[in-house]
Amino acid sequence: MPYPSAPARLTLVAFASSIACLTTPSRADELQDLKAEVDALRGKVGELERRAPAAAPRENAASSAVTAGTTKGSFKLPGSDTSITLGGYVKLDALFSDKSAGVGSTADQQYEAGSVPVGPNAGINERNQLKLHARQSRFFIKTATPSSYGEIGTYLEFDLFGAAGNESVSNSNGLRVRHAYGTIGHLLAGQTWTTFSDPAAYPETVDFGGPAGQIFARQAQVRWTDRLGDTVQWSVALENPESVVALPDGTSFRADDDRAPDIAANAKWNSPFGQYSVAALARQIRVDSASAPASREQRWGYGIGINGVVPFAGKDDARFSLYQGSALGRYTVGFFSDATLDASGRIDLPDQWVAAVAYRHYWSERVRSTLALSALRAEKLSSSAPNVNKAAQSAHLNVIWSPVSQANLGLEYLYARRETADGARGNLHRVQASAQYLF
């Protein structure tokens, strides 16, 4: 029953007062009846007043409920306009390698081109190794909040390739930050994929490390993204610099005295024939060291690249990447140094190139395979130490079954090869199985 308004209550009181004025003896009986009715009405009004406060908790309960967000799978906390999405996956990997990279090396848990043993005694005491781990498992939280400047977005993602745990007992590997960035309008600020790369062109592999020949880095940056017409999207970014040079004895040296950001840019477009991108990079390579050898020098280097995803019949696609430059360096997952330092302290920038091509075929709606071939190579300079990396190749062949959309079971064979500047070579054979469960 609705609660009477203030005017209604006044009407009832006025009505009761007028009844009280009816005091003639001829109507005494009627008066008693009317008084009884007024008392009954007053009792009902009092009962309604007692019930009225109970409606407030119901309204408060509704306002404190978690509601659906603006995107699929998201939710909003009480009193908030922010849509929150949680997700990730758990993945177990089992790897059997004919050679090990050594005790505690992550190269036994994922392919790292620079860790393939080389030389006549390559892996002689580290053969036929089995590893199981769940370090690729990850978790992310994504938010979207409306504002007068457009949507404000944030994204945080972690995996378990942080500080390594003890394999003897707990395998308690630490969290590692993969992505941590925010966006508003055209502006992105935080850590994510370098603008010089195109993750859409990476082939689907069971191995976490991926092909030898790929451009890869996640780092802090400030990025501006805009559109040119209806089909082209372009981005330019200032990204965290880090110079890594090879000393005359081949060891790596981090000067940690960079003064200019890496400048990266790309342009992406879609067409009926696929999705493509071009990328460019400009970097200052700088050394400031008082020893081994003494040097205070800097040089600018460059990189350019093209990537593509080409659709074929059904759901099949081909993917490719091709990069060339004088400062690809650490962007090759650290396979190359950014420069070499000769005995006089002079910086040399070698020409480097990176290439990968892959084809993914769907045998059925739930079963697919990828063949990925890749290579990278650097020019040998007179200042190059004999043991620095010169070239690498890799081949991945896999089959992945998705019994449901939230699960992937994979089996993959990897062949990899590495060569150093003095001609020493080594190869790796690996079989890997995995189970991945998404949430």
Protein backbone atom coordinates (compact mmCIF):
# COMPACT_ATOMS: atom_id res chain seq x y z
CA MET A 1 0.00 0.00 0.00
CA PRO A 2 1.52 3.46 -0.89
CA TYR A 3 2.47 5.75 1.95
CA PRO A 4 0.06 8.79 2.25
CA SER A 5 1.49 12.13 1.28
CA ALA A 6 1.57 15.12 3.66
CA PRO A 7 -1.62 16.68 2.13
CA ALA A 8 -3.44 13.40 2.59
CA ARG A 9 -2.48 13.21 6.24
CA LEU A 10 -3.70 16.79 6.80
CA THR A 11 -7.00 15.90 5.20
CA LEU A 12 -7.43 12.98 7.59
CA VAL A 13 -6.68 15.20 10.62
CA ALA A 14 -9.11 17.89 9.41
CA PHE A 15 -11.76 15.25 8.90
CA ALA A 16 -11.22 13.94 12.42
CA SER A 17 -11.45 17.46 13.85
CA SER A 18 -14.73 18.13 12.09
CA ILE A 19 -16.17 14.91 13.46
CA ALA A 20 -15.17 15.91 16.96
CA CYS A 21 -17.37 19.04 16.64
CA LEU A 22 -20.53 16.94 16.14
CA THR A 23 -21.72 16.81 19.79
CA THR A 24 -25.53 17.00 19.63
CA PRO A 25 -27.32 14.28 21.68
CA SER A 26 -29.49 13.24 18.76
CA ARG A 27 -26.43 12.09 16.91
CA ALA A 28 -24.44 10.64 19.81
CA ASP A 29 -24.58 7.12 18.47
CA GLU A 30 -23.46 8.24 15.02
CA LEU A 31 -20.67 10.24 16.62
CA GLN A 32 -19.36 7.22 18.47
CA ASP A 33 -19.32 5.23 15.24
CA LEU A 34 -17.49 7.98 13.37
CA LYS A 35 -14.93 8.34 16.18
CA ALA A 36 -14.29 4.63 15.96
CA GLU A 37 -13.72 4.94 12.21
CA VAL A 38 -11.33 7.88 12.73
CA ASP A 39 -9.37 5.88 15.31
CA ALA A 40 -9.14 3.02 12.84
CA LEU A 41 -7.84 5.40 10.11
CA ARG A 42 -5.28 6.86 12.48
CA GLY A 43 -4.11 3.34 13.29
CA LYS A 44 -3.66 2.55 9.59
CA VAL A 45 -1.73 5.82 9.01
CA GLY A 46 0.56 4.98 11.93
CA GLU A 47 1.17 1.51 10.54
CA LEU A 48 2.05 2.95 7.13
CA GLU A 49 4.46 5.42 8.74
CA ARG A 50 6.17 2.57 10.57
CA ARG A 51 6.51 0.62 7.32
CA ALA A 52 7.82 3.51 5.21
CA PRO A 53 11.46 3.45 6.48
CA ALA A 54 11.76 -0.20 5.43
CA ALA A 55 11.71 0.88 1.76
CA ALA A 56 15.00 2.76 2.14
CA PRO A 57 17.14 -0.36 2.73
CA ARG A 58 15.66 -1.95 -0.37
CA GLU A 59 16.64 1.12 -2.40
CA ASN A 60 20.12 1.10 -0.81
CA ALA A 61 20.51 -2.60 -1.61
CA ALA A 62 19.74 -1.91 -5.26
CA SER A 63 22.29 0.92 -5.37
CA SER A 64 24.99 -1.31 -3.85
CA ALA A 65 24.59 -4.14 -6.35
CA VAL A 66 27.30 -5.10 -8.86
CA THR A 67 25.98 -4.40 -12.39
CA ALA A 68 26.97 -5.33 -15.94
CA GLY A 69 29.66 -3.22 -17.59
CA THR A 70 29.70 -1.63 -21.03
CA THR A 71 31.76 -4.40 -22.66
CA LYS A 72 31.22 -8.15 -22.83
CA GLY A 73 32.23 -9.91 -19.62
CA SER A 74 32.80 -6.68 -17.66
CA PHE A 75 31.12 -5.43 -14.49
CA LYS A 76 30.71 -2.19 -12.55
CA LEU A 77 31.26 -1.83 -8.82
CA PRO A 78 28.56 -0.06 -6.77
CA GLY A 79 28.51 3.69 -7.27
CA SER A 80 31.08 3.52 -10.09
CA ASP A 81 30.95 4.20 -13.84
CA THR A 82 34.09 2.11 -14.38
CA SER A 83 33.66 -1.17 -16.28
CA ILE A 84 36.14 -3.82 -15.09
CA THR A 85 37.20 -6.92 -17.03
CA LEU A 86 39.25 -9.74 -15.51
CA GLY A 87 40.86 -12.50 -17.55
CA GLY A 88 43.90 -14.57 -18.40
CA TYR A 89 44.83 -18.23 -18.64
CA VAL A 90 46.64 -21.08 -16.95
CA LYS A 91 49.13 -22.98 -19.14
CA LEU A 92 51.26 -26.04 -18.48
CA ASP A 93 54.26 -26.68 -20.76
CA ALA A 94 56.27 -29.89 -21.00
CA LEU A 95 59.49 -29.63 -23.03
CA PHE A 96 61.99 -32.30 -24.03
CA SER A 97 65.22 -30.86 -25.48
CA ASP A 98 68.21 -32.72 -26.91
CA LYS A 99 70.46 -30.03 -25.33
CA SER A 100 70.08 -27.89 -22.24
CA ALA A 101 71.08 -24.24 -21.92
CA GLY A 102 72.30 -24.85 -18.37
CA VAL A 103 71.05 -24.96 -14.80
CA GLY A 104 68.30 -22.46 -14.06
CA SER A 105 68.17 -21.06 -17.60
CA THR A 106 64.82 -19.84 -18.92
CA ALA A 107 66.01 -21.00 -22.35
CA ASP A 108 65.02 -24.52 -21.26
CA GLN A 109 61.47 -23.26 -20.71
CA GLN A 110 61.13 -21.20 -23.88
CA TYR A 111 63.15 -20.84 -27.08
CA GLU A 112 65.85 -18.18 -26.84
CA ALA A 113 67.90 -17.99 -30.03
CA GLY A 114 71.04 -16.71 -28.30
CA SER A 115 71.17 -19.64 -25.86
CA VAL A 116 71.52 -22.52 -28.34
CA PRO A 117 74.90 -24.18 -27.49
CA VAL A 118 77.56 -23.88 -30.22
CA GLY A 119 80.91 -25.46 -30.93
CA PRO A 120 82.22 -29.05 -31.11
CA ASN A 121 81.33 -29.76 -27.48
CA ALA A 122 77.97 -27.99 -27.51
CA GLY A 123 75.77 -29.32 -24.74
CA ILE A 124 78.00 -32.32 -24.19
CA ASN A 125 77.09 -32.59 -20.50
CA GLU A 126 73.55 -31.24 -20.87
CA ARG A 127 71.72 -33.65 -23.16
CA ASN A 128 68.15 -34.97 -23.31
CA GLN A 129 66.46 -32.80 -20.71
CA LEU A 130 62.80 -32.73 -19.62
CA LYS A 131 61.19 -29.58 -18.16
CA LEU A 132 57.65 -28.93 -16.92
CA HIS A 133 56.50 -25.47 -15.87
CA ALA A 134 53.47 -23.17 -15.68
CA ARG A 135 55.29 -19.84 -15.95
CA GLN A 136 53.47 -18.64 -19.07
CA SER A 137 50.22 -18.51 -17.07
CA ARG A 138 48.95 -14.95 -16.77
CA PHE A 139 46.31 -12.63 -15.35
CA PHE A 140 45.02 -9.26 -16.55
CA ILE A 141 42.66 -6.53 -15.36
CA LYS A 142 41.22 -3.99 -17.79
CA THR A 143 39.07 -0.95 -17.02
CA ALA A 144 37.05 1.54 -19.04
CA THR A 145 35.68 4.78 -17.58
CA PRO A 146 33.68 7.42 -19.51
CA SER A 147 34.86 11.02 -19.33
CA SER A 148 34.36 14.35 -21.08
CA TYR A 149 37.60 13.64 -23.01
CA GLY A 150 36.48 10.21 -24.17
CA GLU A 151 36.96 6.81 -22.60
CA ILE A 152 39.77 6.42 -20.05
CA GLY A 153 41.21 2.92 -20.27
CA THR A 154 43.77 1.07 -18.16
CA TYR A 155 45.38 -2.33 -18.63
CA LEU A 156 47.55 -4.39 -16.27
CA GLU A 157 48.92 -7.83 -17.14
CA PHE A 158 51.30 -10.17 -15.29
CA ASP A 159 52.82 -13.58 -15.94
CA LEU A 160 55.08 -15.86 -13.86
CA PHE A 161 58.41 -15.22 -15.61
CA GLY A 162 59.56 -12.99 -12.76
CA ALA A 163 62.21 -14.05 -10.26
CA ALA A 164 62.77 -17.81 -10.62
CA GLY A 165 61.73 -20.09 -7.78
CA ASN A 166 63.46 -23.21 -6.48
CA GLU A 167 62.54 -26.24 -8.60
CA SER A 168 63.46 -28.56 -5.75
CA VAL A 169 60.36 -27.83 -3.68
CA SER A 170 57.91 -25.02 -4.36
CA ASN A 171 58.62 -23.66 -7.87
CA SER A 172 57.38 -20.34 -6.48
CA ASN A 173 58.12 -18.10 -9.46
CA GLY A 174 57.48 -14.38 -9.05
CA LEU A 175 55.11 -12.16 -10.98
CA ARG A 176 56.45 -10.18 -13.94
CA VAL A 177 54.84 -7.04 -15.32
CA ARG A 178 54.03 -7.48 -19.00
CA HIS A 179 51.77 -4.50 -19.61
CA ALA A 180 50.87 -1.49 -17.45
CA TYR A 181 49.39 1.42 -19.39
CA GLY A 182 46.52 3.86 -19.62
CA THR A 183 44.78 5.53 -22.55
CA ILE A 184 42.62 8.59 -23.01
CA GLY A 185 41.58 9.62 -26.48
CA HIS A 186 44.59 9.32 -28.79
CA LEU A 187 47.18 9.22 -25.98
CA LEU A 188 48.73 6.10 -24.46
CA ALA A 189 51.19 6.23 -21.57
CA GLY A 190 52.81 3.28 -19.80
CA GLN A 191 54.47 -0.02 -20.68
CA THR A 192 53.34 -2.18 -23.61
CA TRP A 193 54.54 -3.55 -26.96
CA THR A 194 57.05 -1.33 -28.73
CA THR A 195 55.48 0.69 -31.55
CA PHE A 196 58.21 -0.71 -33.80
CA SER A 197 56.65 -4.20 -33.68
CA ASP A 198 53.38 -5.67 -34.97
CA PRO A 199 52.18 -8.48 -32.65
CA ALA A 200 49.32 -9.26 -35.04
CA ALA A 201 51.92 -10.73 -37.43
CA TYR A 202 53.46 -13.07 -34.84
CA PRO A 203 52.81 -16.72 -35.75
CA GLU A 204 50.83 -18.96 -33.40
CA THR A 205 53.33 -21.22 -31.65
CA VAL A 206 53.08 -23.51 -28.64
CA ASP A 207 56.54 -22.29 -27.61
CA PHE A 208 56.41 -19.07 -25.60
CA GLY A 209 59.62 -17.70 -27.09
CA GLY A 210 58.40 -17.67 -30.69
CA PRO A 211 60.54 -17.57 -33.84
CA ALA A 212 64.17 -16.48 -33.89
CA GLY A 213 63.49 -13.79 -36.46
CA GLN A 214 61.08 -11.40 -34.79
CA ILE A 215 61.11 -7.86 -33.48
CA PHE A 216 60.04 -7.89 -29.86
CA ALA A 217 60.14 -5.54 -26.87
CA ARG A 218 57.80 -4.31 -24.17
CA GLN A 219 58.83 -1.02 -22.61
CA ALA A 220 57.63 2.28 -21.15
CA GLN A 221 56.53 4.84 -23.70
CA VAL A 222 54.31 7.77 -24.59
CA ARG A 223 52.38 7.07 -27.79
CA TRP A 224 50.02 9.12 -29.96
CA THR A 225 47.67 7.24 -32.31
CA ASP A 226 45.42 8.74 -34.97
CA ARG A 227 43.76 7.86 -38.25
CA LEU A 228 44.44 8.89 -41.84
CA GLY A 229 41.21 8.40 -43.75
CA ASP A 230 39.05 5.35 -43.11
CA THR A 231 41.62 2.58 -43.49
CA VAL A 232 45.00 3.80 -42.17
CA GLN A 233 45.93 4.07 -38.49
CA TRP A 234 49.28 5.62 -37.58
CA SER A 235 51.21 5.88 -34.31
CA VAL A 236 54.36 7.62 -33.13
CA ALA A 237 56.02 7.08 -29.75
CA LEU A 238 58.89 8.12 -27.53
CA GLU A 239 60.12 4.95 -25.82
CA ASN A 240 62.57 4.00 -23.09
CA PRO A 241 66.17 3.88 -24.41
CA GLU A 242 68.79 1.29 -23.45
CA SER A 243 72.16 0.87 -25.17
CA VAL A 244 73.82 -2.54 -25.07
CA VAL A 245 77.23 -2.78 -26.78
CA ALA A 246 79.60 -5.71 -27.33
CA LEU A 247 83.09 -5.10 -25.94
CA PRO A 248 86.21 -6.29 -27.81
CA ASP A 249 86.16 -9.55 -25.80
CA GLY A 250 82.52 -10.20 -26.76
CA THR A 251 80.92 -9.48 -23.38
CA SER A 252 77.89 -7.19 -23.27
CA PHE A 253 78.14 -3.78 -21.65
CA ARG A 254 75.19 -1.63 -20.56
CA ALA A 255 76.30 1.98 -20.27
CA ASP A 256 72.97 3.04 -18.72
CA ASP A 257 73.70 6.64 -19.67
CA ASP A 258 71.17 7.18 -22.47
CA ARG A 259 70.04 10.73 -23.13
CA ALA A 260 67.53 10.50 -25.97
CA PRO A 261 64.40 8.33 -26.22
CA ASP A 262 63.98 5.71 -28.90
CA ILE A 263 61.65 7.15 -31.55
CA ALA A 264 59.30 4.55 -33.05
CA ALA A 265 56.46 4.87 -35.53
CA ASN A 266 54.14 2.65 -37.53
CA ALA A 267 51.22 2.77 -39.93
CA LYS A 268 48.63 -0.02 -40.23
CA TRP A 269 45.91 -0.55 -42.78
CA ASN A 270 43.32 -3.14 -43.75
CA SER A 271 42.42 -4.16 -47.27
CA PRO A 272 40.50 -6.98 -48.96
CA PHE A 273 43.90 -8.68 -49.34
CA GLY A 274 44.86 -8.61 -45.64
CA GLN A 275 46.19 -6.49 -42.82
CA TYR A 276 49.56 -4.79 -43.25
CA SER A 277 51.89 -2.45 -41.40
CA VAL A 278 55.14 -0.58 -41.91
CA ALA A 279 57.38 0.53 -39.04
CA ALA A 280 60.39 2.77 -38.45
CA LEU A 281 62.84 3.28 -35.60
CA ALA A 282 65.51 5.88 -34.78
CA ARG A 283 67.85 5.34 -31.80
CA GLN A 284 70.83 6.98 -30.23
CA ILE A 285 73.41 4.38 -29.18
CA ARG A 286 75.58 5.92 -26.47
CA VAL A 287 78.56 4.75 -24.41
CA ASP A 288 80.16 6.61 -21.52
CA SER A 289 82.73 4.40 -19.82
CA ALA A 290 86.08 4.96 -18.18
CA SER A 291 87.34 1.45 -18.85
CA ALA A 292 87.22 -1.69 -21.01
CA PRO A 293 87.96 0.34 -23.20
CA ALA A 294 87.46 3.98 -22.25
CA SER A 295 84.86 5.56 -24.50
CA ARG A 296 82.49 8.48 -24.61
CA GLU A 297 80.79 8.26 -27.94
CA GLN A 298 77.32 8.18 -29.45
CA ARG A 299 75.82 7.36 -32.83
CA TRP A 300 72.31 7.31 -34.28
CA GLY A 301 71.00 4.15 -35.92
CA TYR A 302 67.80 3.18 -37.68
CA GLY A 303 65.43 0.32 -38.40
CA ILE A 304 62.61 -0.19 -40.89
CA GLY A 305 60.15 -3.04 -41.32
CA ILE A 306 57.03 -4.39 -42.99
CA ASN A 307 54.52 -6.93 -41.62
CA GLY A 308 51.41 -8.61 -42.94
CA VAL A 309 48.59 -11.05 -42.27
CA VAL A 310 47.17 -12.43 -45.52
CA PRO A 311 43.89 -14.41 -45.44
CA PHE A 312 43.51 -17.57 -47.51
CA ALA A 313 40.72 -20.08 -48.04
CA GLY A 314 38.49 -20.67 -45.03
CA LYS A 315 40.17 -19.48 -41.83
CA ASP A 316 43.75 -20.08 -43.10
CA ASP A 317 46.23 -17.23 -43.11
CA ALA A 318 49.86 -16.44 -43.88
CA ARG A 319 51.94 -14.05 -41.78
CA PHE A 320 55.25 -12.38 -42.51
CA SER A 321 57.73 -9.87 -41.08
CA LEU A 322 60.85 -8.35 -42.63
CA TYR A 323 63.10 -5.82 -40.85
CA GLN A 324 66.45 -4.25 -41.69
CA GLY A 325 68.59 -1.63 -40.00
CA SER A 326 71.75 -0.62 -38.18
CA ALA A 327 70.23 -0.50 -34.69
CA LEU A 328 67.84 -3.45 -34.41
CA GLY A 329 70.05 -4.73 -31.58
CA ARG A 330 68.10 -5.48 -28.40
CA TYR A 331 64.81 -5.43 -30.37
CA THR A 332 65.80 -8.90 -31.65
CA VAL A 333 65.04 -10.30 -28.15
CA GLY A 334 68.64 -9.48 -27.32
CA PHE A 335 70.18 -11.80 -29.91
CA PHE A 336 72.28 -8.92 -31.31
CA SER A 337 74.00 -6.15 -29.42
CA ASP A 338 73.12 -2.61 -30.43
CA ALA A 339 76.71 -1.92 -31.46
CA THR A 340 80.29 -3.13 -31.16
CA LEU A 341 83.03 -1.23 -29.42
CA ASP A 342 86.53 -1.54 -30.87
CA ALA A 343 89.79 -1.38 -28.94
CA SER A 344 90.07 2.38 -29.47
CA GLY A 345 86.59 2.99 -27.99
CA ARG A 346 84.86 3.67 -31.31
CA ILE A 347 81.25 2.57 -31.83
CA ASP A 348 80.41 0.50 -34.92
CA LEU A 349 76.82 -0.18 -35.99
CA PRO A 350 76.51 -3.40 -38.01
CA ASP A 351 73.79 -3.92 -40.60
CA GLN A 352 71.22 -6.44 -39.34
CA TRP A 353 68.11 -8.07 -40.81
CA VAL A 354 65.29 -10.16 -39.41
CA ALA A 355 62.69 -12.23 -41.31
CA ALA A 356 59.83 -14.61 -40.48
CA VAL A 357 57.07 -16.27 -42.50
CA ALA A 358 54.32 -18.60 -41.27
CA TYR A 359 51.25 -20.38 -42.59
CA ARG A 360 48.35 -21.47 -40.36
CA HIS A 361 45.95 -24.13 -41.66
CA TYR A 362 42.65 -25.18 -40.10
CA TRP A 363 42.10 -28.90 -40.49
CA SER A 364 38.67 -28.47 -38.94
CA GLU A 365 36.82 -25.93 -36.83
CA ARG A 366 38.73 -27.05 -33.73
CA VAL A 367 42.07 -28.32 -35.07
CA ARG A 368 44.76 -26.15 -36.66
CA SER A 369 48.50 -26.23 -37.46
CA THR A 370 51.18 -23.61 -38.00
CA LEU A 371 54.50 -23.89 -39.85
CA ALA A 372 56.77 -20.96 -38.98
CA LEU A 373 60.22 -20.35 -40.51
CA SER A 374 62.50 -17.52 -39.47
CA ALA A 375 66.07 -16.22 -39.60
CA LEU A 376 68.21 -13.26 -38.61
CA ARG A 377 71.74 -12.24 -39.50
CA ALA A 378 74.22 -9.44 -38.81
CA GLU A 379 77.13 -8.07 -40.77
CA LYS A 380 80.51 -9.14 -39.43
CA LEU A 381 82.66 -6.12 -38.62
CA SER A 382 86.38 -5.93 -37.98
CA SER A 383 85.55 -4.93 -34.41
CA SER A 384 83.32 -7.98 -33.88
CA ALA A 385 84.58 -10.42 -31.24
CA PRO A 386 84.76 -14.07 -32.34
CA ASN A 387 82.03 -15.19 -29.95
CA VAL A 388 79.30 -12.63 -30.71
CA ASN A 389 76.15 -13.84 -32.45
CA LYS A 390 76.17 -13.73 -36.22
CA ALA A 391 73.05 -15.64 -37.34
CA ALA A 392 70.21 -17.90 -36.24
CA GLN A 393 67.38 -19.85 -37.84
CA SER A 394 64.33 -21.60 -36.40
CA ALA A 395 61.43 -23.76 -37.60
CA HIS A 396 58.24 -24.48 -35.62
CA LEU A 397 55.64 -27.06 -36.66
CA ASN A 398 52.63 -27.67 -34.44
CA VAL A 399 49.09 -28.97 -34.11
CA ILE A 400 46.63 -27.36 -31.70
CA TRP A 401 43.26 -28.80 -30.71
CA SER A 402 40.60 -26.63 -29.07
CA PRO A 403 37.93 -28.99 -27.70
CA VAL A 404 36.09 -25.89 -26.46
CA SER A 405 36.74 -22.21 -27.05
CA GLN A 406 38.35 -21.81 -23.60
CA ALA A 407 40.92 -24.62 -23.91
CA ASN A 408 43.89 -25.38 -26.20
CA LEU A 409 45.93 -28.58 -26.26
CA GLY A 410 49.10 -28.33 -28.34
CA LEU A 411 52.04 -30.38 -29.61
CA GLU A 412 55.02 -28.80 -31.37
CA TYR A 413 58.43 -29.64 -32.84
CA LEU A 414 61.17 -27.00 -32.88
CA TYR A 415 64.43 -27.02 -34.82
CA ALA A 416 66.85 -24.14 -34.14
CA ARG A 417 70.36 -23.24 -35.21
CA ARG A 418 72.87 -20.58 -34.07
CA GLU A 419 76.18 -19.34 -35.51
CA THR A 420 78.76 -17.01 -34.00
CA ALA A 421 81.19 -14.64 -35.75
CA ASP A 422 84.05 -17.18 -35.64
CA GLY A 423 81.96 -19.77 -37.49
CA ALA A 424 81.04 -21.96 -34.47
CA ARG A 425 77.64 -23.58 -34.93
CA GLY A 426 75.12 -25.49 -32.88
CA ASN A 427 71.57 -26.74 -33.19
CA LEU A 428 68.63 -27.65 -30.98
CA HIS A 429 65.82 -30.18 -31.35
CA ARG A 430 62.84 -29.84 -29.01
CA VAL A 431 59.39 -31.40 -28.62
CA GLN A 432 56.84 -29.51 -26.57
CA ALA A 433 53.33 -30.30 -25.34
CA SER A 434 51.00 -27.85 -23.63
CA ALA A 435 47.57 -27.49 -22.02
CA GLN A 436 46.06 -24.02 -21.84
CA TYR A 437 42.85 -23.03 -20.02
CA LEU A 438 41.47 -19.53 -20.52
CA PHE A 439 39.23 -17.55 -18.19
